[in-house]
Protein backbone atom coordinates (compact mmCIF):
# COMPACT_ATOMS: atom_id res chain seq x y z
CA UNK A 1 0.00 0.00 0.00
CA UNK A 2 1.46 3.37 -0.96
CA UNK A 3 1.85 6.22 1.48
CA UNK A 4 -0.95 8.12 -0.28
CA UNK A 5 -3.47 5.30 0.36
CA UNK A 6 -2.74 5.00 4.10
CA UNK A 7 -5.22 6.79 6.31
CA UNK A 8 -4.24 8.33 9.62
CA UNK A 9 -6.77 8.07 12.43
CA UNK A 10 -6.61 10.27 15.51
CA UNK A 11 -8.13 8.72 18.63
CA UNK A 12 -9.51 11.02 21.28
CA UNK A 13 -10.00 9.53 24.73
CA UNK A 14 -12.89 10.95 26.75
CA UNK A 15 -12.19 10.42 30.46
CA UNK A 16 -14.92 12.75 31.71
CA UNK A 17 -17.00 9.87 33.14
CA UNK A 18 -14.13 7.57 34.12
CA UNK A 19 -14.14 5.85 37.50
CA UNK A 20 -11.01 4.55 39.18
CA UNK A 21 -11.12 1.48 41.41
CA UNK A 22 -8.40 -0.49 43.18
CA UNK A 23 -8.53 -4.20 42.32
CA UNK A 24 -6.73 -7.08 44.03
CA UNK A 25 -9.08 -9.86 42.95
CA UNK A 26 -11.03 -10.93 39.90
CA UNK A 27 -13.46 -13.64 38.83
CA UNK A 28 -13.68 -14.60 35.14
CA UNK A 29 -17.06 -15.57 33.68
CA UNK A 30 -17.44 -16.92 30.16
CA UNK A 31 -20.27 -17.86 27.85
CA UNK A 32 -20.24 -18.62 24.11
CA UNK A 33 -20.86 -14.99 23.08
CA UNK A 34 -18.85 -12.92 25.53
CA UNK A 35 -16.23 -12.85 28.23
CA UNK A 36 -16.85 -11.13 31.54
CA UNK A 37 -14.63 -10.44 34.49
CA UNK A 38 -15.78 -9.26 37.90
CA UNK A 39 -13.24 -6.94 39.53
CA UNK A 40 -12.99 -6.04 43.18
CA UNK A 41 -11.14 -6.57 46.41
CA UNK A 42 -10.56 -9.50 48.69
CA UNK A 43 -11.23 -8.48 52.27
CA UNK A 44 -10.35 -10.53 55.35
CA UNK A 45 -13.16 -10.52 57.91
CA UNK A 46 -13.46 -12.30 61.26
CA UNK A 47 -15.24 -15.66 61.17
CA UNK A 48 -18.25 -15.48 63.51
CA UNK A 49 -18.26 -19.29 63.86
CA UNK A 50 -14.57 -19.57 64.78
CA UNK A 51 -12.81 -16.45 66.10
CA UNK A 52 -9.38 -18.01 65.41
CA UNK A 53 -9.94 -18.01 61.64
CA UNK A 54 -10.75 -15.36 59.10
CA UNK A 55 -12.92 -15.49 56.02
CA UNK A 56 -12.18 -13.78 52.74
CA UNK A 57 -14.98 -11.81 51.14
CA UNK A 58 -14.76 -10.83 47.48
CA UNK A 59 -16.36 -7.41 47.16
CA UNK A 60 -17.22 -6.97 43.46
CA UNK A 61 -17.11 -3.35 42.36
CA UNK A 62 -17.05 -3.60 38.56
CA UNK A 63 -17.88 -6.08 35.83
CA UNK A 64 -16.25 -5.83 32.41
CA UNK A 65 -18.14 -7.42 29.53
CA UNK A 66 -16.44 -7.87 26.16
CA UNK A 67 -16.46 -10.02 23.05
CA UNK A 68 -13.70 -12.61 22.61
CA UNK A 69 -11.81 -10.51 20.06
CA UNK A 70 -11.48 -7.69 22.59
CA UNK A 71 -10.62 -10.18 25.35
CA UNK A 72 -7.80 -11.58 23.21
CA UNK A 73 -6.45 -8.08 22.53
CA UNK A 74 -6.62 -7.31 26.25
CA UNK A 75 -4.75 -10.54 27.09
CA UNK A 76 -2.02 -9.73 24.55
CA UNK A 77 -1.68 -6.20 25.91
CA UNK A 78 -1.46 -7.44 29.51
CA UNK A 79 1.22 -9.99 28.49
CA UNK A 80 3.28 -7.25 26.85
CA UNK A 81 2.90 -4.81 29.76
CA UNK A 82 3.96 -7.51 32.26
CA UNK A 83 6.90 -8.58 30.06
CA UNK A 84 8.12 -4.97 29.88
CA UNK A 85 7.71 -4.55 33.65
CA UNK A 86 9.62 -7.75 34.42
CA UNK A 87 12.44 -6.82 32.04
CA UNK A 88 12.84 -3.54 33.92
CA UNK A 89 12.14 -4.58 37.54
CA UNK A 90 12.52 -8.38 37.69
CA UNK A 91 10.13 -11.30 37.74
CA UNK A 92 6.77 -11.06 39.44
CA UNK A 93 6.18 -13.98 41.79
CA UNK A 94 2.68 -15.37 41.27
CA UNK A 95 0.50 -15.58 44.37
CA UNK A 96 -1.50 -18.76 45.00
CA UNK A 97 -5.26 -18.32 44.79
CA UNK A 98 -6.82 -18.16 48.24
CA UNK A 99 -8.59 -21.49 47.72
CA UNK A 100 -5.17 -23.19 47.38
CA UNK A 101 -3.48 -21.61 50.42
CA UNK A 102 -3.16 -23.63 53.62
C-alpha atoms as a PDB file:
ATOM      1  CA  UNK A   1       0.000   0.000   0.000  1.00  0.00           C
ATOM      2  CA  UNK A   2       1.463   3.367  -0.960  1.00  0.00           C
ATOM      3  CA  UNK A   3       1.847   6.222   1.476  1.00  0.00           C
ATOM      4  CA  UNK A   4      -0.952   8.124  -0.277  1.00  0.00           C
ATOM      5  CA  UNK A   5      -3.470   5.300   0.360  1.00  0.00           C
ATOM      6  CA  UNK A   6      -2.737   4.998   4.096  1.00  0.00           C
ATOM      7  CA  UNK A   7      -5.222   6.793   6.308  1.00  0.00           C
ATOM      8  CA  UNK A   8      -4.236   8.335   9.625  1.00  0.00           C
ATOM      9  CA  UNK A   9      -6.769   8.067  12.434  1.00  0.00           C
ATOM     10  CA  UNK A  10      -6.610  10.268  15.513  1.00  0.00           C
ATOM     11  CA  UNK A  11      -8.130   8.718  18.633  1.00  0.00           C
ATOM     12  CA  UNK A  12      -9.506  11.021  21.276  1.00  0.00           C
ATOM     13  CA  UNK A  13     -10.000   9.531  24.730  1.00  0.00           C
ATOM     14  CA  UNK A  14     -12.893  10.949  26.754  1.00  0.00           C
ATOM     15  CA  UNK A  15     -12.185  10.418  30.457  1.00  0.00           C
ATOM     16  CA  UNK A  16     -14.920  12.746  31.711  1.00  0.00           C
ATOM     17  CA  UNK A  17     -17.004   9.866  33.144  1.00  0.00           C
ATOM     18  CA  UNK A  18     -14.133   7.575  34.119  1.00  0.00           C
ATOM     19  CA  UNK A  19     -14.144   5.854  37.498  1.00  0.00           C
ATOM     20  CA  UNK A  20     -11.013   4.553  39.183  1.00  0.00           C
ATOM     21  CA  UNK A  21     -11.122   1.480  41.413  1.00  0.00           C
ATOM     22  CA  UNK A  22      -8.403  -0.486  43.184  1.00  0.00           C
ATOM     23  CA  UNK A  23      -8.534  -4.196  42.323  1.00  0.00           C
ATOM     24  CA  UNK A  24      -6.728  -7.077  44.030  1.00  0.00           C
ATOM     25  CA  UNK A  25      -9.076  -9.859  42.952  1.00  0.00           C
ATOM     26  CA  UNK A  26     -11.027 -10.930  39.899  1.00  0.00           C
ATOM     27  CA  UNK A  27     -13.459 -13.639  38.830  1.00  0.00           C
ATOM     28  CA  UNK A  28     -13.682 -14.604  35.143  1.00  0.00           C
ATOM     29  CA  UNK A  29     -17.057 -15.571  33.680  1.00  0.00           C
ATOM     30  CA  UNK A  30     -17.441 -16.922  30.160  1.00  0.00           C
ATOM     31  CA  UNK A  31     -20.265 -17.861  27.850  1.00  0.00           C
ATOM     32  CA  UNK A  32     -20.238 -18.625  24.106  1.00  0.00           C
ATOM     33  CA  UNK A  33     -20.858 -14.994  23.077  1.00  0.00           C
ATOM     34  CA  UNK A  34     -18.852 -12.916  25.530  1.00  0.00           C
ATOM     35  CA  UNK A  35     -16.233 -12.853  28.232  1.00  0.00           C
ATOM     36  CA  UNK A  36     -16.847 -11.127  31.543  1.00  0.00           C
ATOM     37  CA  UNK A  37     -14.628 -10.442  34.487  1.00  0.00           C
ATOM     38  CA  UNK A  38     -15.777  -9.260  37.898  1.00  0.00           C
ATOM     39  CA  UNK A  39     -13.240  -6.936  39.526  1.00  0.00           C
ATOM     40  CA  UNK A  40     -12.991  -6.036  43.179  1.00  0.00           C
ATOM     41  CA  UNK A  41     -11.139  -6.569  46.405  1.00  0.00           C
ATOM     42  CA  UNK A  42     -10.563  -9.502  48.691  1.00  0.00           C
ATOM     43  CA  UNK A  43     -11.229  -8.476  52.273  1.00  0.00           C
ATOM     44  CA  UNK A  44     -10.351 -10.527  55.350  1.00  0.00           C
ATOM     45  CA  UNK A  45     -13.156 -10.524  57.909  1.00  0.00           C
ATOM     46  CA  UNK A  46     -13.462 -12.296  61.256  1.00  0.00           C
ATOM     47  CA  UNK A  47     -15.245 -15.655  61.175  1.00  0.00           C
ATOM     48  CA  UNK A  48     -18.248 -15.476  63.510  1.00  0.00           C
ATOM     49  CA  UNK A  49     -18.264 -19.286  63.861  1.00  0.00           C
ATOM     50  CA  UNK A  50     -14.573 -19.574  64.781  1.00  0.00           C
ATOM     51  CA  UNK A  51     -12.814 -16.450  66.103  1.00  0.00           C
ATOM     52  CA  UNK A  52      -9.380 -18.010  65.407  1.00  0.00           C
ATOM     53  CA  UNK A  53      -9.935 -18.014  61.644  1.00  0.00           C
ATOM     54  CA  UNK A  54     -10.753 -15.360  59.103  1.00  0.00           C
ATOM     55  CA  UNK A  55     -12.915 -15.490  56.015  1.00  0.00           C
ATOM     56  CA  UNK A  56     -12.178 -13.778  52.742  1.00  0.00           C
ATOM     57  CA  UNK A  57     -14.981 -11.811  51.141  1.00  0.00           C
ATOM     58  CA  UNK A  58     -14.756 -10.834  47.479  1.00  0.00           C
ATOM     59  CA  UNK A  59     -16.355  -7.409  47.161  1.00  0.00           C
ATOM     60  CA  UNK A  60     -17.224  -6.971  43.462  1.00  0.00           C
ATOM     61  CA  UNK A  61     -17.107  -3.353  42.355  1.00  0.00           C
ATOM     62  CA  UNK A  62     -17.046  -3.597  38.563  1.00  0.00           C
ATOM     63  CA  UNK A  63     -17.883  -6.084  35.827  1.00  0.00           C
ATOM     64  CA  UNK A  64     -16.251  -5.828  32.415  1.00  0.00           C
ATOM     65  CA  UNK A  65     -18.135  -7.422  29.530  1.00  0.00           C
ATOM     66  CA  UNK A  66     -16.435  -7.871  26.156  1.00  0.00           C
ATOM     67  CA  UNK A  67     -16.456 -10.025  23.051  1.00  0.00           C
ATOM     68  CA  UNK A  68     -13.702 -12.614  22.613  1.00  0.00           C
ATOM     69  CA  UNK A  69     -11.814 -10.510  20.064  1.00  0.00           C
ATOM     70  CA  UNK A  70     -11.480  -7.693  22.590  1.00  0.00           C
ATOM     71  CA  UNK A  71     -10.616 -10.181  25.354  1.00  0.00           C
ATOM     72  CA  UNK A  72      -7.800 -11.577  23.211  1.00  0.00           C
ATOM     73  CA  UNK A  73      -6.448  -8.082  22.526  1.00  0.00           C
ATOM     74  CA  UNK A  74      -6.622  -7.309  26.251  1.00  0.00           C
ATOM     75  CA  UNK A  75      -4.750 -10.542  27.093  1.00  0.00           C
ATOM     76  CA  UNK A  76      -2.020  -9.728  24.553  1.00  0.00           C
ATOM     77  CA  UNK A  77      -1.677  -6.198  25.906  1.00  0.00           C
ATOM     78  CA  UNK A  78      -1.457  -7.445  29.505  1.00  0.00           C
ATOM     79  CA  UNK A  79       1.218  -9.991  28.492  1.00  0.00           C
ATOM     80  CA  UNK A  80       3.277  -7.246  26.847  1.00  0.00           C
ATOM     81  CA  UNK A  81       2.904  -4.812  29.764  1.00  0.00           C
ATOM     82  CA  UNK A  82       3.961  -7.512  32.257  1.00  0.00           C
ATOM     83  CA  UNK A  83       6.901  -8.577  30.061  1.00  0.00           C
ATOM     84  CA  UNK A  84       8.123  -4.969  29.881  1.00  0.00           C
ATOM     85  CA  UNK A  85       7.705  -4.550  33.652  1.00  0.00           C
ATOM     86  CA  UNK A  86       9.624  -7.754  34.419  1.00  0.00           C
ATOM     87  CA  UNK A  87      12.444  -6.818  32.042  1.00  0.00           C
ATOM     88  CA  UNK A  88      12.840  -3.539  33.918  1.00  0.00           C
ATOM     89  CA  UNK A  89      12.141  -4.578  37.538  1.00  0.00           C
ATOM     90  CA  UNK A  90      12.521  -8.382  37.692  1.00  0.00           C
ATOM     91  CA  UNK A  91      10.130 -11.297  37.739  1.00  0.00           C
ATOM     92  CA  UNK A  92       6.771 -11.059  39.440  1.00  0.00           C
ATOM     93  CA  UNK A  93       6.182 -13.976  41.793  1.00  0.00           C
ATOM     94  CA  UNK A  94       2.675 -15.365  41.272  1.00  0.00           C
ATOM     95  CA  UNK A  95       0.500 -15.584  44.372  1.00  0.00           C
ATOM     96  CA  UNK A  96      -1.504 -18.763  44.995  1.00  0.00           C
ATOM     97  CA  UNK A  97      -5.264 -18.324  44.789  1.00  0.00           C
ATOM     98  CA  UNK A  98      -6.825 -18.155  48.243  1.00  0.00           C
ATOM     99  CA  UNK A  99      -8.587 -21.489  47.719  1.00  0.00           C
ATOM    100  CA  UNK A 100      -5.167 -23.188  47.377  1.00  0.00           C
ATOM    101  CA  UNK A 101      -3.480 -21.614  50.418  1.00  0.00           C
ATOM    102  CA  UNK A 102      -3.165 -23.634  53.618  1.00  0.00           C
END
